[in-house]
Amino acid sequence: MEFIDTRLVPFLHAAIASAVPFIFAGLGEVIAERSGVVNIGIEGIMVFGAFLGFAGVYLTGSPLLGLLLAAAGGAVLGLLMAFLTVTLRLNQIIVGLALFFVGFGLGGYANKILFPRGTPPSIPTLGDMALPLLSQIPVLGPVLFDHDVLAYAALALVPLCWYVLYRTRLGLEIRATGESPAVADSLGINVFLVRYGCVIAGAVLAAWAGAYLTQAESGRFQRLIVGGRGFISIAVVIVALWNPWRVLLGALIFAGGVALQFRAQLLYRGAPAEILLMAPYVLTIVALVVIRLVGHVSETVPAGLGQNYARGGEGR
């Protein structure tokens, strides 16, 4: 019992907390890519969202206003992405790469404007909120039911996202648009509206992923705070077959690998640092490849992914 209470429970709790930004960003990318739009710029959106989430709390003292500010910033960048790819039909990969630099630059520049004299101050981080009764369950209670409100929101979004995509008319329209925009258009689905909405929604979730890093984890902002989490989230989405539940699993595996890495560094000080740093990535790739190999054959890449659509013409 001592091992469970002092080692296993803290490890699993840390893994879930570390998985939150991957869950937000991964679900956002699932929504966008299911509609047929690849947004590789979510790393930059996360950086911008991290700054806005931090600045909102610093200026107003309200985490909620910080989240709303981050959502607004993410929506603006998502709108820009949608306009350039859906309306102007520019190459999605090139636009996404440009958006990464835009978000990264905006976050860093705005930070210099707000804090011109050096390191910005810290903000109080979100505290864990133990759920009554549920948090008292042995082992599972402190692991699952003693987190901050954003962690609960991220976990709740997984079944909600799955339900919307696979059990509602809206989800059917999103998936139809991602499979064949021309056929969806012929059936009366507004391809442009669906893609606009999905790209913007995905960008908002990516911004919240960034805001989580400053509001719940570090309490500070720096330009490199995202640290590749956006790109990792994209990889998780692809290998997880665009399925929200598998995205959750992939996020937990990677975050668990990171948590295990930190604990291994403390327990085995002589272990090669390079191997420990590599371990979470290798573990995630191996696990998700196994998941993909045992997945349903019908779950494949959306046929219209990455294809821009012009009414009356072919996707390109």
C-alpha atoms as a PDB file:
ATOM      1  CA  MET A   1       0.000   0.000   0.000  1.00  0.00           C
ATOM      2  CA  GLU A   2       2.888   2.359   0.675  1.00  0.00           C
ATOM      3  CA  PHE A   3       4.067   1.995  -2.923  1.00  0.00           C
ATOM      4  CA  ILE A   4       0.563   2.723  -4.211  1.00  0.00           C
ATOM      5  CA  ASP A   5       0.030   5.766  -1.999  1.00  0.00           C
ATOM      6  CA  THR A   6       3.476   7.322  -2.318  1.00  0.00           C
ATOM      7  CA  ARG A   7       4.540   6.327  -5.842  1.00  0.00           C
ATOM      8  CA  LEU A   8       1.738   5.050  -8.072  1.00  0.00           C
ATOM      9  CA  VAL A   9      -1.025   7.524  -7.167  1.00  0.00           C
ATOM     10  CA  PRO A  10       1.169  10.651  -7.521  1.00  0.00           C
ATOM     11  CA  PHE A  11       2.540   9.301 -10.814  1.00  0.00           C
ATOM     12  CA  LEU A  12      -0.908   8.684 -12.324  1.00  0.00           C
ATOM     13  CA  HIS A  13      -2.187  12.029 -11.036  1.00  0.00           C
ATOM     14  CA  ALA A  14       0.768  13.826 -12.641  1.00  0.00           C
ATOM     15  CA  ALA A  15       0.250  11.938 -15.907  1.00  0.00           C
ATOM     16  CA  ILE A  16      -3.373  13.064 -16.176  1.00  0.00           C
ATOM     17  CA  ALA A  17      -2.479  16.669 -15.370  1.00  0.00           C
ATOM     18  CA  SER A  18       0.335  16.664 -17.938  1.00  0.00           C
ATOM     19  CA  ALA A  19      -2.001  15.186 -20.571  1.00  0.00           C
ATOM     20  CA  VAL A  20      -4.479  18.084 -20.444  1.00  0.00           C
ATOM     21  CA  PRO A  21      -2.829  20.334 -23.086  1.00  0.00           C
ATOM     22  CA  PHE A  22      -2.478  17.351 -25.430  1.00  0.00           C
ATOM     23  CA  ILE A  23      -6.166  16.534 -24.960  1.00  0.00           C
ATOM     24  CA  PHE A  24      -7.316  20.084 -25.712  1.00  0.00           C
ATOM     25  CA  ALA A  25      -5.028  20.485 -28.730  1.00  0.00           C
ATOM     26  CA  GLY A  26      -5.634  16.950 -29.989  1.00  0.00           C
ATOM     27  CA  LEU A  27      -9.417  17.249 -29.879  1.00  0.00           C
ATOM     28  CA  GLY A  28      -9.204  20.606 -31.637  1.00  0.00           C
ATOM     29  CA  GLU A  29      -7.138  19.049 -34.407  1.00  0.00           C
ATOM     30  CA  VAL A  30      -9.542  16.096 -34.669  1.00  0.00           C
ATOM     31  CA  ILE A  31     -12.429  18.500 -35.267  1.00  0.00           C
ATOM     32  CA  ALA A  32     -10.524  20.492 -37.899  1.00  0.00           C
ATOM     33  CA  GLU A  33      -9.122  17.469 -39.725  1.00  0.00           C
ATOM     34  CA  ARG A  34     -12.428  15.607 -39.699  1.00  0.00           C
ATOM     35  CA  SER A  35     -13.771  18.528 -41.739  1.00  0.00           C
ATOM     36  CA  GLY A  36     -10.859  18.209 -44.171  1.00  0.00           C
ATOM     37  CA  VAL A  37      -8.515  20.970 -42.951  1.00  0.00           C
ATOM     38  CA  VAL A  38      -5.019  20.256 -41.629  1.00  0.00           C
ATOM     39  CA  ASN A  39      -3.885  22.924 -39.178  1.00  0.00           C
ATOM     40  CA  ILE A  40      -0.206  22.421 -38.396  1.00  0.00           C
ATOM     41  CA  GLY A  41      -0.145  25.902 -36.884  1.00  0.00           C
ATOM     42  CA  ILE A  42      -1.642  24.841 -33.551  1.00  0.00           C
ATOM     43  CA  GLU A  43       1.775  25.087 -31.885  1.00  0.00           C
ATOM     44  CA  GLY A  44       1.788  28.830 -32.581  1.00  0.00           C
ATOM     45  CA  ILE A  45      -1.842  29.156 -31.516  1.00  0.00           C
ATOM     46  CA  MET A  46      -0.949  27.464 -28.233  1.00  0.00           C
ATOM     47  CA  VAL A  47       1.870  29.968 -27.655  1.00  0.00           C
ATOM     48  CA  PHE A  48      -0.488  32.886 -28.299  1.00  0.00           C
ATOM     49  CA  GLY A  49      -3.154  31.298 -26.092  1.00  0.00           C
ATOM     50  CA  ALA A  50      -0.609  30.744 -23.330  1.00  0.00           C
ATOM     51  CA  PHE A  51       0.259  34.436 -23.335  1.00  0.00           C
ATOM     52  CA  LEU A  52      -3.357  35.606 -23.466  1.00  0.00           C
ATOM     53  CA  GLY A  53      -4.394  33.228 -20.693  1.00  0.00           C
ATOM     54  CA  PHE A  54      -1.534  34.533 -18.566  1.00  0.00           C
ATOM     55  CA  ALA A  55      -2.126  38.200 -19.421  1.00  0.00           C
ATOM     56  CA  GLY A  56      -5.846  37.910 -18.715  1.00  0.00           C
ATOM     57  CA  VAL A  57      -5.210  36.655 -15.190  1.00  0.00           C
ATOM     58  CA  TYR A  58      -2.412  39.169 -14.594  1.00  0.00           C
ATOM     59  CA  LEU A  59      -4.510  42.148 -15.708  1.00  0.00           C
ATOM     60  CA  THR A  60      -7.889  41.179 -14.245  1.00  0.00           C
ATOM     61  CA  GLY A  61      -7.183  38.530 -11.620  1.00  0.00           C
ATOM     62  CA  SER A  62      -9.801  36.286 -13.238  1.00  0.00           C
ATOM     63  CA  PRO A  63      -8.827  32.925 -14.778  1.00  0.00           C
ATOM     64  CA  LEU A  64     -12.181  32.871 -16.581  1.00  0.00           C
ATOM     65  CA  LEU A  65     -11.470  36.174 -18.312  1.00  0.00           C
ATOM     66  CA  GLY A  66      -8.040  34.831 -19.181  1.00  0.00           C
ATOM     67  CA  LEU A  67      -9.639  31.799 -20.824  1.00  0.00           C
ATOM     68  CA  LEU A  68     -12.098  34.004 -22.704  1.00  0.00           C
ATOM     69  CA  LEU A  69      -9.237  36.182 -23.908  1.00  0.00           C
ATOM     70  CA  ALA A  70      -7.309  33.105 -25.030  1.00  0.00           C
ATOM     71  CA  ALA A  71     -10.417  31.796 -26.801  1.00  0.00           C
ATOM     72  CA  ALA A  72     -10.843  35.115 -28.603  1.00  0.00           C
ATOM     73  CA  GLY A  73      -7.213  35.096 -29.723  1.00  0.00           C
ATOM     74  CA  GLY A  74      -7.483  31.493 -30.876  1.00  0.00           C
ATOM     75  CA  ALA A  75     -10.702  32.264 -32.747  1.00  0.00           C
ATOM     76  CA  VAL A  76      -9.019  35.152 -34.595  1.00  0.00           C
ATOM     77  CA  LEU A  77      -6.119  32.949 -35.699  1.00  0.00           C
ATOM     78  CA  GLY A  78      -8.559  30.178 -36.610  1.00  0.00           C
ATOM     79  CA  LEU A  79     -10.597  32.636 -38.657  1.00  0.00           C
ATOM     80  CA  LEU A  80      -7.418  33.687 -40.461  1.00  0.00           C
ATOM     81  CA  MET A  81      -6.561  30.047 -41.155  1.00  0.00           C
ATOM     82  CA  ALA A  82     -10.064  29.354 -42.465  1.00  0.00           C
ATOM     83  CA  PHE A  83     -10.126  32.460 -44.661  1.00  0.00           C
ATOM     84  CA  LEU A  84      -6.799  31.627 -46.292  1.00  0.00           C
ATOM     85  CA  THR A  85      -7.512  27.928 -46.830  1.00  0.00           C
ATOM     86  CA  VAL A  86     -11.285  27.674 -47.233  1.00  0.00           C
ATOM     87  CA  THR A  87     -12.076  30.956 -48.984  1.00  0.00           C
ATOM     88  CA  LEU A  88      -8.821  31.684 -50.817  1.00  0.00           C
ATOM     89  CA  ARG A  89      -7.981  27.960 -51.115  1.00  0.00           C
ATOM     90  CA  LEU A  90      -4.281  28.388 -50.346  1.00  0.00           C
ATOM     91  CA  ASN A  91      -2.133  25.372 -49.506  1.00  0.00           C
ATOM     92  CA  GLN A  92      -3.079  24.212 -46.008  1.00  0.00           C
ATOM     93  CA  ILE A  93       0.404  23.106 -44.986  1.00  0.00           C
ATOM     94  CA  ILE A  94       2.045  26.374 -46.027  1.00  0.00           C
ATOM     95  CA  VAL A  95      -0.652  28.451 -44.324  1.00  0.00           C
ATOM     96  CA  GLY A  96      -0.417  26.343 -41.164  1.00  0.00           C
ATOM     97  CA  LEU A  97       3.343  26.761 -41.045  1.00  0.00           C
ATOM     98  CA  ALA A  98       2.962  30.520 -41.459  1.00  0.00           C
ATOM     99  CA  LEU A  99       0.323  30.532 -38.716  1.00  0.00           C
ATOM    100  CA  PHE A 100       2.771  28.810 -36.390  1.00  0.00           C
ATOM    101  CA  PHE A 101       5.247  31.664 -36.801  1.00  0.00           C
ATOM    102  CA  VAL A 102       2.473  34.264 -36.489  1.00  0.00           C
ATOM    103  CA  GLY A 103       1.221  32.839 -33.190  1.00  0.00           C
ATOM    104  CA  PHE A 104       4.736  32.346 -31.874  1.00  0.00           C
ATOM    105  CA  GLY A 105       5.699  35.895 -32.818  1.00  0.00           C
ATOM    106  CA  LEU A 106       2.522  37.477 -31.480  1.00  0.00           C
ATOM    107  CA  GLY A 107       2.916  35.790 -28.109  1.00  0.00           C
ATOM    108  CA  GLY A 108       6.539  36.819 -27.737  1.00  0.00           C
ATOM    109  CA  TYR A 109       6.033  40.371 -28.995  1.00  0.00           C
ATOM    110  CA  ALA A 110       2.947  41.008 -26.860  1.00  0.00           C
ATOM    111  CA  ASN A 111       4.876  39.741 -23.852  1.00  0.00           C
ATOM    112  CA  LYS A 112       7.636  42.285 -24.535  1.00  0.00           C
ATOM    113  CA  ILE A 113       5.072  45.071 -24.877  1.00  0.00           C
ATOM    114  CA  LEU A 114       3.320  44.196 -21.618  1.00  0.00           C
ATOM    115  CA  PHE A 115       6.523  43.483 -19.693  1.00  0.00           C
ATOM    116  CA  PRO A 116       9.269  45.593 -21.283  1.00  0.00           C
ATOM    117  CA  ARG A 117      11.622  45.427 -18.303  1.00  0.00           C
ATOM    118  CA  GLY A 118      12.452  41.757 -18.226  1.00  0.00           C
ATOM    119  CA  THR A 119      10.951  38.651 -16.667  1.00  0.00           C
ATOM    120  CA  PRO A 120       7.186  38.954 -16.143  1.00  0.00           C
ATOM    121  CA  PRO A 121       5.773  38.281 -12.685  1.00  0.00           C
ATOM    122  CA  SER A 122       4.016  35.054 -11.886  1.00  0.00           C
ATOM    123  CA  ILE A 123       0.299  34.511 -11.435  1.00  0.00           C
ATOM    124  CA  PRO A 124      -1.367  32.143  -8.958  1.00  0.00           C
ATOM    125  CA  THR A 125      -2.013  28.793 -10.612  1.00  0.00           C
ATOM    126  CA  LEU A 126      -5.341  26.998 -10.554  1.00  0.00           C
ATOM    127  CA  GLY A 127      -5.655  24.793  -7.508  1.00  0.00           C
ATOM    128  CA  ASP A 128      -6.924  21.226  -7.504  1.00  0.00           C
ATOM    129  CA  MET A 129     -10.630  20.871  -6.759  1.00  0.00           C
ATOM    130  CA  ALA A 130     -11.432  17.573  -5.082  1.00  0.00           C
ATOM    131  CA  LEU A 131     -14.903  16.325  -5.995  1.00  0.00           C
ATOM    132  CA  PRO A 132     -16.962  15.440  -2.909  1.00  0.00           C
ATOM    133  CA  LEU A 133     -17.273  11.710  -2.195  1.00  0.00           C
ATOM    134  CA  LEU A 134     -15.639  10.697  -5.501  1.00  0.00           C
ATOM    135  CA  SER A 135     -12.226  11.918  -4.388  1.00  0.00           C
ATOM    136  CA  GLN A 136     -12.484   9.660  -1.323  1.00  0.00           C
ATOM    137  CA  ILE A 137     -12.517   6.460  -3.399  1.00  0.00           C
ATOM    138  CA  PRO A 138      -9.292   4.542  -2.663  1.00  0.00           C
ATOM    139  CA  VAL A 139      -6.629   4.978  -5.386  1.00  0.00           C
ATOM    140  CA  LEU A 140      -9.057   6.098  -8.118  1.00  0.00           C
ATOM    141  CA  GLY A 141     -10.301   9.054  -6.083  1.00  0.00           C
ATOM    142  CA  PRO A 142      -7.061  11.035  -5.837  1.00  0.00           C
ATOM    143  CA  VAL A 143      -6.039   9.954  -9.348  1.00  0.00           C
ATOM    144  CA  LEU A 144      -9.204  10.956 -11.221  1.00  0.00           C
ATOM    145  CA  PHE A 145     -11.178  13.318  -9.006  1.00  0.00           C
ATOM    146  CA  ASP A 146      -8.655  15.742  -7.526  1.00  0.00           C
ATOM    147  CA  HIS A 147      -7.670  18.044 -10.411  1.00  0.00           C
ATOM    148  CA  ASP A 148      -8.147  21.645 -11.465  1.00  0.00           C
ATOM    149  CA  VAL A 149     -11.253  22.707 -13.359  1.00  0.00           C
ATOM    150  CA  LEU A 150      -9.490  22.787 -16.750  1.00  0.00           C
ATOM    151  CA  ALA A 151      -8.438  19.167 -16.360  1.00  0.00           C
ATOM    152  CA  TYR A 152     -12.054  18.186 -15.687  1.00  0.00           C
ATOM    153  CA  ALA A 153     -13.144  20.206 -18.721  1.00  0.00           C
ATOM    154  CA  ALA A 154     -10.593  18.495 -20.971  1.00  0.00           C
ATOM    155  CA  LEU A 155     -11.642  15.025 -19.831  1.00  0.00           C
ATOM    156  CA  ALA A 156     -15.331  15.888 -20.264  1.00  0.00           C
ATOM    157  CA  LEU A 157     -14.686  17.130 -23.802  1.00  0.00           C
ATOM    158  CA  VAL A 158     -13.548  13.687 -24.958  1.00  0.00           C
ATOM    159  CA  PRO A 159     -16.951  11.926 -24.768  1.00  0.00           C
ATOM    160  CA  LEU A 160     -18.674  15.143 -25.867  1.00  0.00           C
ATOM    161  CA  CYS A 161     -16.495  15.396 -28.968  1.00  0.00           C
ATOM    162  CA  TRP A 162     -17.028  11.712 -29.759  1.00  0.00           C
ATOM    163  CA  TYR A 163     -20.796  12.039 -29.322  1.00  0.00           C
ATOM    164  CA  VAL A 164     -21.032  15.098 -31.564  1.00  0.00           C
ATOM    165  CA  LEU A 165     -18.904  13.512 -34.306  1.00  0.00           C
ATOM    166  CA  TYR A 166     -20.577  10.094 -34.336  1.00  0.00           C
ATOM    167  CA  ARG A 167     -24.076  10.530 -32.930  1.00  0.00           C
ATOM    168  CA  THR A 168     -25.383  13.860 -34.244  1.00  0.00           C
ATOM    169  CA  ARG A 169     -26.354  15.341 -37.590  1.00  0.00           C
ATOM    170  CA  LEU A 170     -23.683  18.005 -37.159  1.00  0.00           C
ATOM    171  CA  GLY A 171     -21.044  15.320 -36.731  1.00  0.00           C
ATOM    172  CA  LEU A 172     -22.292  13.538 -39.841  1.00  0.00           C
ATOM    173  CA  GLU A 173     -21.984  16.770 -41.808  1.00  0.00           C
ATOM    174  CA  ILE A 174     -18.464  17.340 -40.485  1.00  0.00           C
ATOM    175  CA  ARG A 175     -17.327  13.842 -41.427  1.00  0.00           C
ATOM    176  CA  ALA A 176     -19.046  14.007 -44.814  1.00  0.00           C
ATOM    177  CA  THR A 177     -17.279  17.282 -45.541  1.00  0.00           C
ATOM    178  CA  GLY A 178     -13.948  15.726 -44.647  1.00  0.00           C
ATOM    179  CA  GLU A 179     -14.562  12.633 -46.754  1.00  0.00           C
ATOM    180  CA  SER A 180     -15.847  14.298 -49.930  1.00  0.00           C
ATOM    181  CA  PRO A 181     -16.644  18.011 -49.940  1.00  0.00           C
ATOM    182  CA  ALA A 182     -18.166  17.775 -53.421  1.00  0.00           C
ATOM    183  CA  VAL A 183     -20.621  15.055 -52.392  1.00  0.00           C
ATOM    184  CA  ALA A 184     -21.403  16.896 -49.151  1.00  0.00           C
ATOM    185  CA  ASP A 185     -22.118  20.055 -51.138  1.00  0.00           C
ATOM    186  CA  SER A 186     -24.427  18.157 -53.484  1.00  0.00           C
ATOM    187  CA  LEU A 187     -26.385  16.939 -50.441  1.00  0.00           C
ATOM    188  CA  GLY A 188     -27.008  20.493 -49.289  1.00  0.00           C
ATOM    189  CA  ILE A 189     -24.255  20.712 -46.666  1.00  0.00           C
ATOM    190  CA  ASN A 190     -22.586  24.112 -46.483  1.00  0.00           C
ATOM    191  CA  VAL A 191     -18.989  22.943 -46.851  1.00  0.00           C
ATOM    192  CA  PHE A 192     -17.538  26.393 -46.286  1.00  0.00           C
ATOM    193  CA  LEU A 193     -19.534  27.039 -43.111  1.00  0.00           C
ATOM    194  CA  VAL A 194     -18.690  23.608 -41.687  1.00  0.00           C
ATOM    195  CA  ARG A 195     -14.980  24.038 -42.338  1.00  0.00           C
ATOM    196  CA  TYR A 196     -14.936  27.578 -40.980  1.00  0.00           C
ATOM    197  CA  GLY A 197     -16.653  26.449 -37.785  1.00  0.00           C
ATOM    198  CA  CYS A 198     -14.409  23.421 -37.297  1.00  0.00           C
ATOM    199  CA  VAL A 199     -11.161  25.302 -37.892  1.00  0.00           C
ATOM    200  CA  ILE A 200     -12.174  28.085 -35.506  1.00  0.00           C
ATOM    201  CA  ALA A 201     -13.360  25.613 -32.844  1.00  0.00           C
ATOM    202  CA  GLY A 202     -10.107  23.689 -33.169  1.00  0.00           C
ATOM    203  CA  ALA A 203      -8.078  26.880 -32.785  1.00  0.00           C
ATOM    204  CA  VAL A 204     -10.012  27.850 -29.648  1.00  0.00           C
ATOM    205  CA  LEU A 205      -9.230  24.472 -28.076  1.00  0.00           C
ATOM    206  CA  ALA A 206      -5.560  24.851 -29.043  1.00  0.00           C
ATOM    207  CA  ALA A 207      -5.505  28.277 -27.378  1.00  0.00           C
ATOM    208  CA  TRP A 208      -6.988  26.748 -24.222  1.00  0.00           C
ATOM    209  CA  ALA A 209      -4.260  24.106 -24.326  1.00  0.00           C
ATOM    210  CA  GLY A 210      -1.739  26.930 -24.219  1.00  0.00           C
ATOM    211  CA  ALA A 211      -3.633  28.801 -21.521  1.00  0.00           C
ATOM    212  CA  TYR A 212      -3.544  25.682 -19.360  1.00  0.00           C
ATOM    213  CA  LEU A 213       0.245  25.771 -19.373  1.00  0.00           C
ATOM    214  CA  THR A 214       0.350  29.244 -17.841  1.00  0.00           C
ATOM    215  CA  GLN A 215      -2.778  29.144 -15.695  1.00  0.00           C
ATOM    216  CA  ALA A 216      -2.465  25.650 -14.217  1.00  0.00           C
ATOM    217  CA  GLU A 217       1.151  24.522 -14.577  1.00  0.00           C
ATOM    218  CA  SER A 218       3.796  27.243 -14.529  1.00  0.00           C
ATOM    219  CA  GLY A 219       2.076  30.499 -13.576  1.00  0.00           C
ATOM    220  CA  ARG A 220       4.470  32.271 -15.951  1.00  0.00           C
ATOM    221  CA  PHE A 221       4.796  32.880 -19.677  1.00  0.00           C
ATOM    222  CA  GLN A 222       7.821  32.361 -21.869  1.00  0.00           C
ATOM    223  CA  ARG A 223       8.004  31.953 -25.635  1.00  0.00           C
ATOM    224  CA  LEU A 224       9.175  28.344 -25.468  1.00  0.00           C
ATOM    225  CA  ILE A 225       6.564  27.266 -22.935  1.00  0.00           C
ATOM    226  CA  VAL A 226       4.667  25.031 -25.390  1.00  0.00           C
ATOM    227  CA  GLY A 227       7.810  23.034 -26.169  1.00  0.00           C
ATOM    228  CA  GLY A 228       6.529  21.117 -29.196  1.00  0.00           C
ATOM    229  CA  ARG A 229       3.281  19.949 -27.607  1.00  0.00           C
ATOM    230  CA  GLY A 230       1.288  21.204 -30.596  1.00  0.00           C
ATOM    231  CA  PHE A 231       3.271  19.144 -33.096  1.00  0.00           C
ATOM    232  CA  ILE A 232       3.128  16.108 -30.813  1.00  0.00           C
ATOM    233  CA  SER A 233      -0.663  16.512 -30.612  1.00  0.00           C
ATOM    234  CA  ILE A 234      -0.903  16.452 -34.416  1.00  0.00           C
ATOM    235  CA  ALA A 235       1.117  13.238 -34.531  1.00  0.00           C
ATOM    236  CA  VAL A 236      -1.094  11.682 -31.849  1.00  0.00           C
ATOM    237  CA  VAL A 237      -4.234  12.594 -33.820  1.00  0.00           C
ATOM    238  CA  ILE A 238      -2.935  10.972 -37.004  1.00  0.00           C
ATOM    239  CA  VAL A 239      -1.741   7.744 -35.405  1.00  0.00           C
ATOM    240  CA  ALA A 240      -4.899   7.598 -33.259  1.00  0.00           C
ATOM    241  CA  LEU A 241      -7.025   7.509 -36.429  1.00  0.00           C
ATOM    242  CA  TRP A 242      -8.850  10.774 -35.720  1.00  0.00           C
ATOM    243  CA  ASN A 243     -10.760   9.147 -32.864  1.00  0.00           C
ATOM    244  CA  PRO A 244     -11.281  11.237 -29.685  1.00  0.00           C
ATOM    245  CA  TRP A 245     -10.976   8.255 -27.355  1.00  0.00           C
ATOM    246  CA  ARG A 246      -7.692   7.171 -28.909  1.00  0.00           C
ATOM    247  CA  VAL A 247      -6.439  10.742 -28.737  1.00  0.00           C
ATOM    248  CA  LEU A 248      -7.122  10.641 -24.992  1.00  0.00           C
ATOM    249  CA  LEU A 249      -5.215   7.379 -24.718  1.00  0.00           C
ATOM    250  CA  GLY A 250      -2.288   8.732 -26.735  1.00  0.00           C
ATOM    251  CA  ALA A 251      -2.163  11.881 -24.622  1.00  0.00           C
ATOM    252  CA  LEU A 252      -2.132   9.842 -21.413  1.00  0.00           C
ATOM    253  CA  ILE A 253       0.602   7.547 -22.724  1.00  0.00           C
ATOM    254  CA  PHE A 254       2.868  10.433 -23.703  1.00  0.00           C
ATOM    255  CA  ALA A 255       2.209  12.378 -20.509  1.00  0.00           C
ATOM    256  CA  GLY A 256       2.798   9.219 -18.495  1.00  0.00           C
ATOM    257  CA  GLY A 257       6.104   8.768 -20.291  1.00  0.00           C
ATOM    258  CA  VAL A 258       7.113  12.314 -19.388  1.00  0.00           C
ATOM    259  CA  ALA A 259       6.137  11.802 -15.742  1.00  0.00           C
ATOM    260  CA  LEU A 260       8.052   8.519 -15.709  1.00  0.00           C
ATOM    261  CA  GLN A 261      11.064  10.264 -17.229  1.00  0.00           C
ATOM    262  CA  PHE A 262      11.204  12.835 -14.432  1.00  0.00           C
ATOM    263  CA  ARG A 263      10.887  10.186 -11.752  1.00  0.00           C
ATOM    264  CA  ALA A 264      13.562   8.039 -13.388  1.00  0.00           C
ATOM    265  CA  GLN A 265      15.938  10.995 -13.364  1.00  0.00           C
ATOM    266  CA  LEU A 266      15.449  11.279  -9.606  1.00  0.00           C
ATOM    267  CA  LEU A 267      15.683   7.565  -8.858  1.00  0.00           C
ATOM    268  CA  TYR A 268      18.454   6.634 -11.299  1.00  0.00           C
ATOM    269  CA  ARG A 269      20.825   9.560 -11.423  1.00  0.00           C
ATOM    270  CA  GLY A 270      23.375   7.616 -13.456  1.00  0.00           C
ATOM    271  CA  ALA A 271      20.954   6.869 -16.312  1.00  0.00           C
ATOM    272  CA  PRO A 272      21.840   8.540 -19.649  1.00  0.00           C
ATOM    273  CA  ALA A 273      19.842  11.776 -19.912  1.00  0.00           C
ATOM    274  CA  GLU A 274      19.478  11.381 -23.689  1.00  0.00           C
ATOM    275  CA  ILE A 275      17.773   8.009 -23.308  1.00  0.00           C
ATOM    276  CA  LEU A 276      15.402   9.336 -20.666  1.00  0.00           C
ATOM    277  CA  LEU A 277      14.468  12.344 -22.821  1.00  0.00           C
ATOM    278  CA  MET A 278      13.781  10.057 -25.765  1.00  0.00           C
ATOM    279  CA  ALA A 279      11.709   7.540 -23.805  1.00  0.00           C
ATOM    280  CA  PRO A 280       8.288   9.310 -23.836  1.00  0.00           C
ATOM    281  CA  TYR A 281       8.388   9.743 -27.619  1.00  0.00           C
ATOM    282  CA  VAL A 282       9.414   6.152 -28.288  1.00  0.00           C
ATOM    283  CA  LEU A 283       6.814   4.839 -25.844  1.00  0.00           C
ATOM    284  CA  THR A 284       4.060   6.907 -27.463  1.00  0.00           C
ATOM    285  CA  ILE A 285       4.981   5.892 -31.014  1.00  0.00           C
ATOM    286  CA  VAL A 286       5.119   2.197 -30.151  1.00  0.00           C
ATOM    287  CA  ALA A 287       1.858   2.275 -28.195  1.00  0.00           C
ATOM    288  CA  LEU A 288      -0.074   4.219 -30.840  1.00  0.00           C
ATOM    289  CA  VAL A 289       1.234   2.040 -33.665  1.00  0.00           C
ATOM    290  CA  VAL A 290      -0.097  -0.981 -31.784  1.00  0.00           C
ATOM    291  CA  ILE A 291      -3.419   0.827 -31.304  1.00  0.00           C
ATOM    292  CA  ARG A 292      -3.580   1.608 -34.993  1.00  0.00           C
ATOM    293  CA  LEU A 293      -2.774  -1.960 -36.024  1.00  0.00           C
ATOM    294  CA  VAL A 294      -5.659  -3.319 -33.962  1.00  0.00           C
ATOM    295  CA  GLY A 295      -8.059  -0.522 -35.000  1.00  0.00           C
ATOM    296  CA  HIS A 296     -11.061  -1.028 -37.248  1.00  0.00           C
ATOM    297  CA  VAL A 297     -10.237  -1.180 -40.951  1.00  0.00           C
ATOM    298  CA  SER A 298     -12.974   1.380 -41.678  1.00  0.00           C
ATOM    299  CA  GLU A 299     -11.165   4.008 -39.611  1.00  0.00           C
ATOM    300  CA  THR A 300      -8.821   5.594 -42.139  1.00  0.00           C
ATOM    301  CA  VAL A 301      -7.617   9.054 -43.044  1.00  0.00           C
ATOM    302  CA  PRO A 302     -10.503  11.319 -44.159  1.00  0.00           C
ATOM    303  CA  ALA A 303     -10.422  11.154 -47.970  1.00  0.00           C
ATOM    304  CA  GLY A 304     -10.782  14.914 -48.357  1.00  0.00           C
ATOM    305  CA  LEU A 305      -8.150  15.826 -45.761  1.00  0.00           C
ATOM    306  CA  GLY A 306      -5.908  18.609 -47.023  1.00  0.00           C
ATOM    307  CA  GLN A 307      -8.029  19.197 -50.124  1.00  0.00           C
ATOM    308  CA  ASN A 308      -9.394  22.672 -50.686  1.00  0.00           C
ATOM    309  CA  TYR A 309     -12.805  22.853 -52.319  1.00  0.00           C
ATOM    310  CA  ALA A 310     -14.227  25.148 -54.964  1.00  0.00           C
ATOM    311  CA  ARG A 311     -17.956  24.896 -55.610  1.00  0.00           C
ATOM    312  CA  GLY A 312     -18.476  23.525 -59.084  1.00  0.00           C
ATOM    313  CA  GLY A 313     -14.882  22.282 -59.253  1.00  0.00           C
ATOM    314  CA  GLU A 314     -12.690  19.560 -57.838  1.00  0.00           C
ATOM    315  CA  GLY A 315     -10.975  19.661 -54.463  1.00  0.00           C
ATOM    316  CA  ARG A 316      -7.339  20.649 -54.689  1.00  0.00           C
END
